[in-house]
Amino acid sequence: MKLKGKHILLGITGSIAAYKAAILVRLLIKEGAEVKVVMTTLAKEFITPLTMATLSKNPILVDFFDPENGQWNSHVDLGMWADLYLIAPATANTMGKMANGVADNLLITSYLSAKCPVMIAPAMDLDMYQHKANLKNIEILKSYGNIIIEPASGELASGLSGKGRMEEPEVIVEKVIELFSVKKKLVNKTILVTAGPTYEPIDPVRFIGNFSTGKMGFAIAEKLADQGASVILVTGPTHLTTQNNSIKRIDVQTADEMFSYSVKHFKSCDAAIMAAAVADFKPIKKSAEKIKRGKDDFQINLVPNKDIAAELGKLKTKKQVLVGFALETNDEFKNAIKKINTKNLDFIVLNSLKDKGAGFGYDTNKITIIDSSEKHVNFNLKSKSDAATDIVNMLADSFLKKKI
């Protein structure tokens, strides 16, 4: 019983593949898991709640409350109960809602409240699966840290043949077992991560900033937490949210604030990953009042901000690992090597604005990881979630090399 004691929340959506959910529940329970089922209204047209309740030995949840007695079905409680949220089958409609936070049913609100890993098994027709909108939503979901179980190829309900069949229940259960059996590499490690932009105020309504969304830093924080680390995430302004309870989030606005919190916490950390896009300069003086438009040219005098990575490089001990980022537009490799040396980094993550799909705002990134001996590994364009996995694996290797 490889899943003994595990709580698995199973989400079923309106797909012909919903019949496979019955087999899936039986296999999960056979492996020792406790299963609760959330269904969309349309899913009931394909498989009955009575069937799923009988197999799971738990009441089936569809609505936000029980219309008979008004009892509230708390999506928050479901999210806290689950060790894994498995959505199988997942339709294009549901994945689109998940990707964009459209919380119009219990299945989606439970997803948005989940603090556990999320696995998604898509099921749809060939053309739907290959549509750019659907593929984009899948990439967005990956960037949030969700695990996509790729659909299989074969005969589809439409009569066509191709990719779109929900993976077989036996394969899905093996992937669930694998998820729980993977040895976490960063247990008992505390990692500092910086993310997002900084805003340097000019007056009460204007600031100097950049186009960073924080997606890369947040993806790294989630992957670190997945590997058992305690994460301190110091982030500039962003709309992103964290999913894992092992992440302690500290919100800041300016480079000075990010500097202060980073220096304060680094001494108690085993490593730091500097993924934030910190403004290099700030205005010498912030106006207390909104600056009015004038007839003459307006000038702002700037001074350099403190270099957070360089300061941590000075503080770093032999038992700590420091990772930097370099977003470059020219002489990329040369500039990255210079940063390794001047900031005392163990390795640096380089990406270039010349690479399509990399940099600010994208859900994808193309990185090169360079260590202090100038050895480097080039990675293909991939989701930021997958790129974060590469970075976290390199960090784990660094701990092994330093024997810490």
Protein backbone atom coordinates (compact mmCIF):
# COMPACT_ATOMS: atom_id res chain seq x y z
CA MET A 1 0.00 0.00 0.00
CA LYS A 2 2.24 2.73 -1.36
CA LEU A 3 -0.19 5.58 -0.66
CA LYS A 4 -1.18 4.61 2.89
CA GLY A 5 -2.32 7.62 4.89
CA LYS A 6 -2.34 9.99 1.92
CA HIS A 7 -5.33 12.29 1.38
CA ILE A 8 -6.17 12.66 -2.30
CA LEU A 9 -8.80 15.09 -3.56
CA LEU A 10 -10.04 13.96 -6.97
CA GLY A 11 -11.63 16.53 -9.27
CA ILE A 12 -13.84 15.21 -12.09
CA THR A 13 -14.95 17.44 -14.97
CA GLY A 14 -17.42 17.02 -17.82
CA SER A 15 -15.61 14.66 -20.18
CA ILE A 16 -16.47 11.27 -21.62
CA ALA A 17 -13.26 10.11 -19.91
CA ALA A 18 -15.03 10.59 -16.55
CA TYR A 19 -15.80 6.85 -16.58
CA LYS A 20 -12.09 6.27 -15.94
CA ALA A 21 -12.40 8.15 -12.63
CA ALA A 22 -14.22 5.17 -11.15
CA ILE A 23 -11.25 2.91 -11.90
CA LEU A 24 -8.89 5.62 -10.67
CA VAL A 25 -10.61 5.83 -7.28
CA ARG A 26 -10.52 2.06 -6.80
CA LEU A 27 -6.80 1.93 -7.60
CA LEU A 28 -5.97 4.84 -5.27
CA ILE A 29 -7.89 3.27 -2.40
CA LYS A 30 -6.28 -0.10 -3.12
CA GLU A 31 -2.92 1.62 -2.56
CA GLY A 32 -4.10 2.90 0.83
CA ALA A 33 -5.18 6.45 -0.02
CA GLU A 34 -8.26 8.18 1.36
CA VAL A 35 -10.14 9.80 -1.52
CA LYS A 36 -12.65 12.63 -1.59
CA VAL A 37 -14.31 13.58 -4.86
CA VAL A 38 -15.32 17.00 -6.21
CA MET A 39 -17.37 17.01 -9.43
CA THR A 40 -18.53 19.75 -11.74
CA THR A 41 -22.23 19.87 -12.60
CA LEU A 42 -21.56 18.61 -16.12
CA ALA A 43 -19.44 15.72 -14.82
CA LYS A 44 -22.62 14.25 -13.29
CA GLU A 45 -23.93 13.74 -16.85
CA PHE A 46 -21.09 11.30 -17.54
CA ILE A 47 -20.79 9.40 -14.25
CA THR A 48 -23.15 9.50 -11.28
CA PRO A 49 -22.28 10.86 -7.85
CA LEU A 50 -23.75 7.66 -6.39
CA THR A 51 -21.13 5.58 -8.20
CA MET A 52 -18.28 7.79 -7.03
CA ALA A 53 -19.61 8.00 -3.45
CA THR A 54 -19.89 4.22 -3.27
CA LEU A 55 -16.35 3.70 -4.54
CA SER A 56 -14.70 6.49 -2.53
CA LYS A 57 -16.72 5.84 0.66
CA ASN A 58 -17.14 9.60 1.01
CA PRO A 59 -19.96 11.99 0.08
CA ILE A 60 -19.53 13.61 -3.33
CA LEU A 61 -19.19 17.39 -3.41
CA VAL A 62 -20.58 19.40 -6.31
CA ASP A 63 -22.09 22.62 -5.00
CA PHE A 64 -20.85 25.25 -2.57
CA PHE A 65 -23.51 24.15 -0.09
CA ASP A 66 -26.02 21.37 0.46
CA PRO A 67 -29.41 22.70 -0.72
CA GLU A 68 -31.21 20.30 1.66
CA ASN A 69 -29.76 21.66 4.89
CA GLY A 70 -27.60 24.64 3.91
CA GLN A 71 -24.38 22.95 5.07
CA TRP A 72 -21.37 24.76 3.61
CA ASN A 73 -18.83 22.77 1.58
CA SER A 74 -15.65 24.63 2.43
CA HIS A 75 -13.13 24.79 -0.41
CA VAL A 76 -10.57 26.07 2.11
CA ASP A 77 -10.96 22.98 4.30
CA LEU A 78 -10.66 20.74 1.23
CA GLY A 79 -7.48 22.50 0.17
CA MET A 80 -5.97 22.05 3.65
CA TRP A 81 -7.06 18.39 3.91
CA ALA A 82 -5.51 17.21 0.66
CA ASP A 83 -1.96 15.95 0.22
CA LEU A 84 -2.61 15.95 -3.53
CA TYR A 85 -5.28 17.48 -5.72
CA LEU A 86 -5.69 15.28 -8.80
CA ILE A 87 -7.97 16.60 -11.55
CA ALA A 88 -8.80 13.76 -13.92
CA PRO A 89 -10.25 14.17 -16.43
CA ALA A 90 -9.55 17.87 -16.93
CA THR A 91 -11.38 19.52 -19.83
CA ALA A 92 -10.12 22.49 -21.84
CA ASN A 93 -12.86 24.57 -20.20
CA THR A 94 -11.73 23.72 -16.67
CA MET A 95 -8.05 24.23 -17.44
CA GLY A 96 -8.85 27.62 -18.97
CA LYS A 97 -10.64 28.61 -15.78
CA MET A 98 -7.81 27.31 -13.60
CA ALA A 99 -5.23 29.21 -15.62
CA ASN A 100 -7.15 32.46 -15.31
CA GLY A 101 -8.64 32.18 -11.84
CA VAL A 102 -12.29 31.92 -12.93
CA ALA A 103 -13.71 30.50 -9.70
CA ASP A 104 -17.31 29.70 -10.62
CA ASN A 105 -17.58 26.20 -9.14
CA LEU A 106 -16.39 24.22 -6.12
CA LEU A 107 -13.73 22.36 -8.11
CA ILE A 108 -12.00 25.61 -9.13
CA THR A 109 -12.30 27.34 -5.74
CA SER A 110 -10.78 24.23 -4.15
CA TYR A 111 -7.94 24.43 -6.67
CA LEU A 112 -7.29 28.07 -5.82
CA SER A 113 -7.23 27.19 -2.11
CA ALA A 114 -5.04 24.09 -2.42
CA LYS A 115 -1.71 24.17 -0.56
CA CYS A 116 -0.67 20.76 -1.90
CA PRO A 117 0.75 19.60 -5.25
CA VAL A 118 -1.74 19.60 -8.12
CA MET A 119 -1.73 17.01 -10.90
CA ILE A 120 -3.85 17.52 -14.02
CA ALA A 121 -4.79 14.84 -16.55
CA PRO A 122 -6.22 16.57 -19.67
CA ALA A 123 -8.87 14.85 -21.78
CA MET A 124 -10.30 16.31 -25.00
CA ASP A 125 -10.42 15.95 -28.75
CA LEU A 126 -7.32 16.28 -30.92
CA ASP A 127 -8.08 19.72 -32.37
CA MET A 128 -9.06 21.12 -28.99
CA TYR A 129 -5.87 19.87 -27.38
CA GLN A 130 -3.67 21.35 -30.13
CA HIS A 131 -5.41 24.74 -30.16
CA LYS A 132 -3.03 27.57 -29.26
CA ALA A 133 -5.34 28.82 -26.50
CA ASN A 134 -5.38 25.41 -24.80
CA LEU A 135 -1.62 24.92 -25.14
CA LYS A 136 -1.07 28.39 -23.70
CA ASN A 137 -3.28 27.56 -20.71
CA ILE A 138 -1.30 24.37 -20.12
CA GLU A 139 1.94 26.36 -20.10
CA ILE A 140 0.41 28.83 -17.65
CA LEU A 141 -0.64 26.00 -15.36
CA LYS A 142 2.86 24.53 -15.55
CA SER A 143 4.31 27.93 -14.64
CA TYR A 144 2.16 27.87 -11.49
CA GLY A 145 3.86 24.61 -10.49
CA ASN A 146 1.07 22.23 -11.52
CA ILE A 147 2.04 18.79 -12.81
CA ILE A 148 0.55 17.95 -16.21
CA ILE A 149 0.01 14.27 -17.01
CA GLU A 150 0.32 14.32 -20.77
CA PRO A 151 -2.65 12.74 -22.58
CA ALA A 152 -2.07 9.61 -24.62
CA SER A 153 -2.57 9.17 -28.35
CA GLY A 154 -5.23 6.89 -29.73
CA GLU A 155 -8.85 6.71 -30.85
CA LEU A 156 -10.92 9.62 -29.57
CA ALA A 157 -14.65 9.96 -28.90
CA SER A 158 -15.03 11.99 -32.09
CA GLY A 159 -13.76 9.12 -34.19
CA LEU A 160 -10.48 10.89 -34.86
CA SER A 161 -7.19 9.43 -33.78
CA GLY A 162 -4.47 11.45 -32.09
CA LYS A 163 -3.31 13.02 -28.84
CA GLY A 164 -6.04 13.85 -26.35
CA ARG A 165 -7.03 10.64 -24.55
CA MET A 166 -6.79 10.91 -20.80
CA GLU A 167 -3.93 8.74 -19.62
CA GLU A 168 -4.97 5.35 -18.28
CA PRO A 169 -5.78 5.16 -14.53
CA GLU A 170 -2.97 2.66 -13.89
CA VAL A 171 -0.41 5.08 -15.34
CA ILE A 172 -1.84 8.01 -13.38
CA VAL A 173 -1.64 6.07 -10.11
CA GLU A 174 1.99 5.19 -10.84
CA LYS A 175 2.73 8.89 -11.30
CA VAL A 176 1.00 9.67 -8.01
CA ILE A 177 3.07 7.02 -6.23
CA GLU A 178 6.21 8.40 -7.87
CA LEU A 179 5.35 11.91 -6.66
CA PHE A 180 5.15 10.79 -3.04
CA SER A 181 8.12 8.42 -3.21
CA VAL A 182 10.62 10.90 -4.66
CA LYS A 183 13.28 11.71 -2.07
CA LYS A 184 13.24 15.43 -1.36
CA LYS A 185 16.68 16.94 -1.84
CA LEU A 186 16.45 20.05 0.34
CA VAL A 187 14.90 18.86 3.61
CA ASN A 188 16.18 20.93 6.58
CA LYS A 189 17.50 23.63 4.25
CA THR A 190 16.43 27.27 4.51
CA ILE A 191 16.65 29.21 1.26
CA LEU A 192 16.26 32.94 0.66
CA VAL A 193 14.72 33.92 -2.69
CA THR A 194 14.22 37.43 -4.07
CA ALA A 195 11.65 37.98 -6.80
CA GLY A 196 9.82 40.59 -8.83
CA PRO A 197 10.68 44.23 -9.53
CA THR A 198 11.40 47.08 -7.15
CA TYR A 199 9.63 50.44 -7.37
CA GLU A 200 11.69 53.55 -6.62
CA PRO A 201 9.31 56.47 -5.90
CA ILE A 202 9.66 59.81 -7.68
CA ASP A 203 6.63 61.38 -6.03
CA PRO A 204 3.45 59.96 -4.40
CA VAL A 205 2.10 58.67 -7.75
CA ARG A 206 5.15 57.90 -9.92
CA PHE A 207 8.05 55.51 -9.66
CA ILE A 208 11.02 54.04 -11.52
CA GLY A 209 10.53 50.31 -12.10
CA ASN A 210 10.79 47.58 -14.69
CA PHE A 211 8.64 44.96 -16.43
CA SER A 212 9.43 42.04 -14.12
CA THR A 213 6.37 40.02 -13.07
CA GLY A 214 8.11 37.83 -10.48
CA LYS A 215 7.12 34.60 -12.27
CA MET A 216 10.63 33.15 -12.32
CA GLY A 217 11.34 33.86 -8.66
CA PHE A 218 7.97 32.52 -7.53
CA ALA A 219 8.45 29.35 -9.60
CA ILE A 220 11.82 28.83 -7.92
CA ALA A 221 10.31 29.35 -4.46
CA GLU A 222 7.62 26.75 -5.17
CA LYS A 223 10.13 24.20 -6.49
CA LEU A 224 12.36 24.71 -3.44
CA ALA A 225 9.40 24.12 -1.15
CA ASP A 226 8.46 21.00 -3.15
CA GLN A 227 11.95 19.68 -2.40
CA GLY A 228 11.45 20.12 1.34
CA ALA A 229 13.13 23.50 1.87
CA SER A 230 11.86 26.28 4.08
CA VAL A 231 11.73 29.34 1.83
CA ILE A 232 11.94 33.01 2.69
CA LEU A 233 10.58 34.87 -0.34
CA VAL A 234 11.32 38.59 -0.44
CA THR A 235 9.27 39.96 -3.31
CA GLY A 236 8.67 43.29 -4.94
CA PRO A 237 5.22 44.34 -6.17
CA THR A 238 3.44 41.51 -8.02
CA HIS A 239 -0.01 39.99 -8.38
CA LEU A 240 1.33 36.44 -7.88
CA THR A 241 0.43 34.24 -4.95
CA THR A 242 2.29 31.39 -3.24
CA GLN A 243 0.85 27.88 -2.98
CA ASN A 244 3.08 26.14 -0.43
CA ASN A 245 2.89 26.64 3.33
CA SER A 246 6.68 26.27 3.56
CA ILE A 247 7.10 29.67 1.89
CA LYS A 248 7.33 32.70 4.16
CA ARG A 249 6.52 35.73 2.02
CA ILE A 250 7.83 39.23 2.71
CA ASP A 251 6.45 41.99 0.47
CA VAL A 252 8.58 45.06 -0.24
CA GLN A 253 8.48 48.04 -2.59
CA THR A 254 11.97 49.49 -2.89
CA ALA A 255 15.49 48.17 -3.39
CA ASP A 256 16.46 49.48 0.06
CA GLU A 257 13.69 47.42 1.66
CA MET A 258 14.70 44.32 -0.29
CA PHE A 259 18.33 44.90 0.72
CA SER A 260 17.46 45.18 4.42
CA TYR A 261 15.34 42.02 4.54
CA SER A 262 17.80 40.03 2.44
CA VAL A 263 20.78 40.91 4.63
CA LYS A 264 18.73 40.30 7.78
CA HIS A 265 17.64 36.78 6.79
CA PHE A 266 20.68 35.57 4.83
CA LYS A 267 22.71 34.86 7.96
CA SER A 268 20.20 32.14 8.98
CA CYS A 269 19.95 30.64 5.47
CA ASP A 270 21.81 27.84 3.76
CA ALA A 271 21.53 29.55 0.37
CA ALA A 272 20.10 32.53 -1.46
CA ILE A 273 18.82 32.82 -5.02
CA MET A 274 18.72 36.40 -6.27
CA ALA A 275 15.99 36.27 -8.92
CA ALA A 276 14.59 39.78 -8.38
CA ALA A 277 14.99 42.52 -11.00
CA VAL A 278 16.24 45.18 -8.61
CA ALA A 279 16.33 48.76 -9.90
CA ASP A 280 19.95 49.85 -10.30
CA PHE A 281 19.15 53.49 -9.54
CA LYS A 282 16.77 55.55 -7.42
CA PRO A 283 15.95 59.28 -7.30
CA ILE A 284 18.10 61.26 -4.90
CA LYS A 285 14.99 62.87 -3.49
CA LYS A 286 11.33 61.91 -3.50
CA SER A 287 8.92 64.80 -3.89
CA ALA A 288 6.33 64.98 -1.10
CA GLU A 289 3.76 66.32 -3.56
CA LYS A 290 2.78 65.24 -7.04
CA ILE A 291 5.10 66.94 -9.54
CA LYS A 292 3.12 69.12 -11.96
CA ARG A 293 3.73 69.35 -15.66
CA GLY A 294 5.85 72.39 -16.61
CA LYS A 295 6.95 74.07 -19.79
CA ASP A 296 10.60 73.26 -19.26
CA ASP A 297 12.35 69.88 -19.40
CA PHE A 298 12.17 67.95 -16.17
CA GLN A 299 15.26 66.21 -14.81
CA ILE A 300 15.58 63.53 -12.15
CA ASN A 301 18.92 63.05 -10.44
CA LEU A 302 19.62 59.39 -9.71
CA VAL A 303 21.99 57.56 -7.38
CA PRO A 304 22.91 53.85 -7.44
CA ASN A 305 21.00 51.44 -5.23
CA LYS A 306 22.86 49.08 -2.95
CA ASP A 307 23.94 45.84 -4.67
CA ILE A 308 22.13 43.10 -2.76
CA ALA A 309 23.93 40.13 -4.34
CA ALA A 310 27.34 41.75 -3.85
CA GLU A 311 26.58 42.42 -0.18
CA LEU A 312 25.48 38.83 0.39
CA GLY A 313 28.64 37.73 -1.43
CA LYS A 314 30.68 39.55 1.23
CA LEU A 315 28.67 37.93 4.02
CA LYS A 316 28.65 34.41 2.53
CA THR A 317 30.38 31.66 4.52
CA LYS A 318 31.87 28.40 3.24
CA LYS A 319 28.67 26.65 4.27
CA GLN A 320 26.40 28.86 2.16
CA VAL A 321 25.55 28.92 -1.54
CA LEU A 322 24.79 32.14 -3.41
CA VAL A 323 23.06 32.18 -6.80
CA GLY A 324 22.71 35.25 -9.01
CA PHE A 325 20.75 36.15 -12.13
CA ALA A 326 21.89 38.01 -15.22
CA LEU A 327 19.41 39.39 -17.72
CA GLU A 328 21.52 40.75 -20.55
CA THR A 329 21.09 42.36 -23.96
CA ASN A 330 24.72 42.18 -25.16
CA ASP A 331 28.00 40.41 -24.31
CA GLU A 332 25.82 38.06 -22.28
CA PHE A 333 28.34 35.40 -21.28
CA LYS A 334 31.11 37.89 -20.55
CA ASN A 335 28.87 40.04 -18.35
CA ALA A 336 27.58 36.99 -16.48
CA ILE A 337 31.12 35.77 -15.72
CA LYS A 338 32.00 39.22 -14.43
CA LYS A 339 29.07 39.11 -12.02
CA ILE A 340 30.12 35.70 -10.69
CA ASN A 341 33.54 37.07 -9.81
CA THR A 342 32.56 40.49 -8.45
CA LYS A 343 29.65 39.20 -6.35
CA ASN A 344 31.24 35.95 -5.09
CA LEU A 345 28.53 33.75 -6.61
CA ASP A 346 28.57 29.97 -6.74
CA PHE A 347 26.69 30.04 -10.03
CA ILE A 348 24.63 32.41 -12.12
CA VAL A 349 21.51 32.00 -14.22
CA LEU A 350 21.85 33.85 -17.52
CA ASN A 351 19.06 34.75 -19.89
CA SER A 352 19.08 37.13 -22.82
CA LEU A 353 16.38 39.48 -24.01
CA LYS A 354 17.47 38.50 -27.52
CA ASP A 355 15.94 35.04 -27.03
CA LYS A 356 12.29 34.89 -28.07
CA GLY A 357 10.04 33.83 -25.21
CA ALA A 358 12.60 34.65 -22.50
CA GLY A 359 12.68 37.52 -20.04
CA PHE A 360 10.01 39.66 -18.41
CA GLY A 361 6.34 38.78 -18.66
CA TYR A 362 6.64 35.42 -20.41
CA ASP A 363 5.57 32.07 -18.97
CA THR A 364 8.67 30.55 -20.59
CA ASN A 365 12.39 31.13 -20.22
CA LYS A 366 15.61 30.07 -21.90
CA ILE A 367 18.50 29.94 -19.46
CA THR A 368 22.18 29.14 -19.25
CA ILE A 369 23.62 28.16 -15.87
CA ILE A 370 27.28 29.08 -15.38
CA ASP A 371 29.35 28.09 -12.34
CA SER A 372 32.36 29.80 -10.79
CA SER A 373 34.77 27.76 -12.95
CA GLU A 374 32.95 29.06 -16.06
CA LYS A 375 31.49 25.63 -16.85
CA HIS A 376 28.04 26.13 -18.26
CA VAL A 377 24.92 24.26 -19.32
CA ASN A 378 22.56 25.62 -21.98
CA PHE A 379 18.89 24.75 -21.62
CA ASN A 380 16.18 24.91 -24.28
CA LEU A 381 13.19 27.22 -24.06
CA LYS A 382 10.78 25.76 -21.50
CA SER A 383 8.19 26.83 -18.96
CA LYS A 384 9.50 28.88 -16.05
CA SER A 385 8.35 26.09 -13.76
CA ASP A 386 10.57 23.61 -15.60
CA ALA A 387 13.43 26.12 -15.71
CA ALA A 388 13.04 26.53 -11.94
CA THR A 389 13.47 22.76 -11.58
CA ASP A 390 16.81 22.98 -13.42
CA ILE A 391 17.97 25.78 -11.11
CA VAL A 392 16.89 23.94 -7.96
CA ASN A 393 18.66 20.76 -9.12
CA MET A 394 21.84 22.78 -9.66
CA LEU A 395 21.51 24.21 -6.15
CA ALA A 396 21.13 20.72 -4.68
CA ASP A 397 24.27 19.65 -6.56
CA SER A 398 26.12 22.65 -5.12
CA PHE A 399 25.25 21.53 -1.59
CA LEU A 400 26.64 18.07 -2.37
CA LYS A 401 29.87 19.49 -3.79
CA LYS A 402 30.35 21.66 -0.71
CA LYS A 403 29.35 18.75 1.53
CA ILE A 404 26.74 20.82 3.36
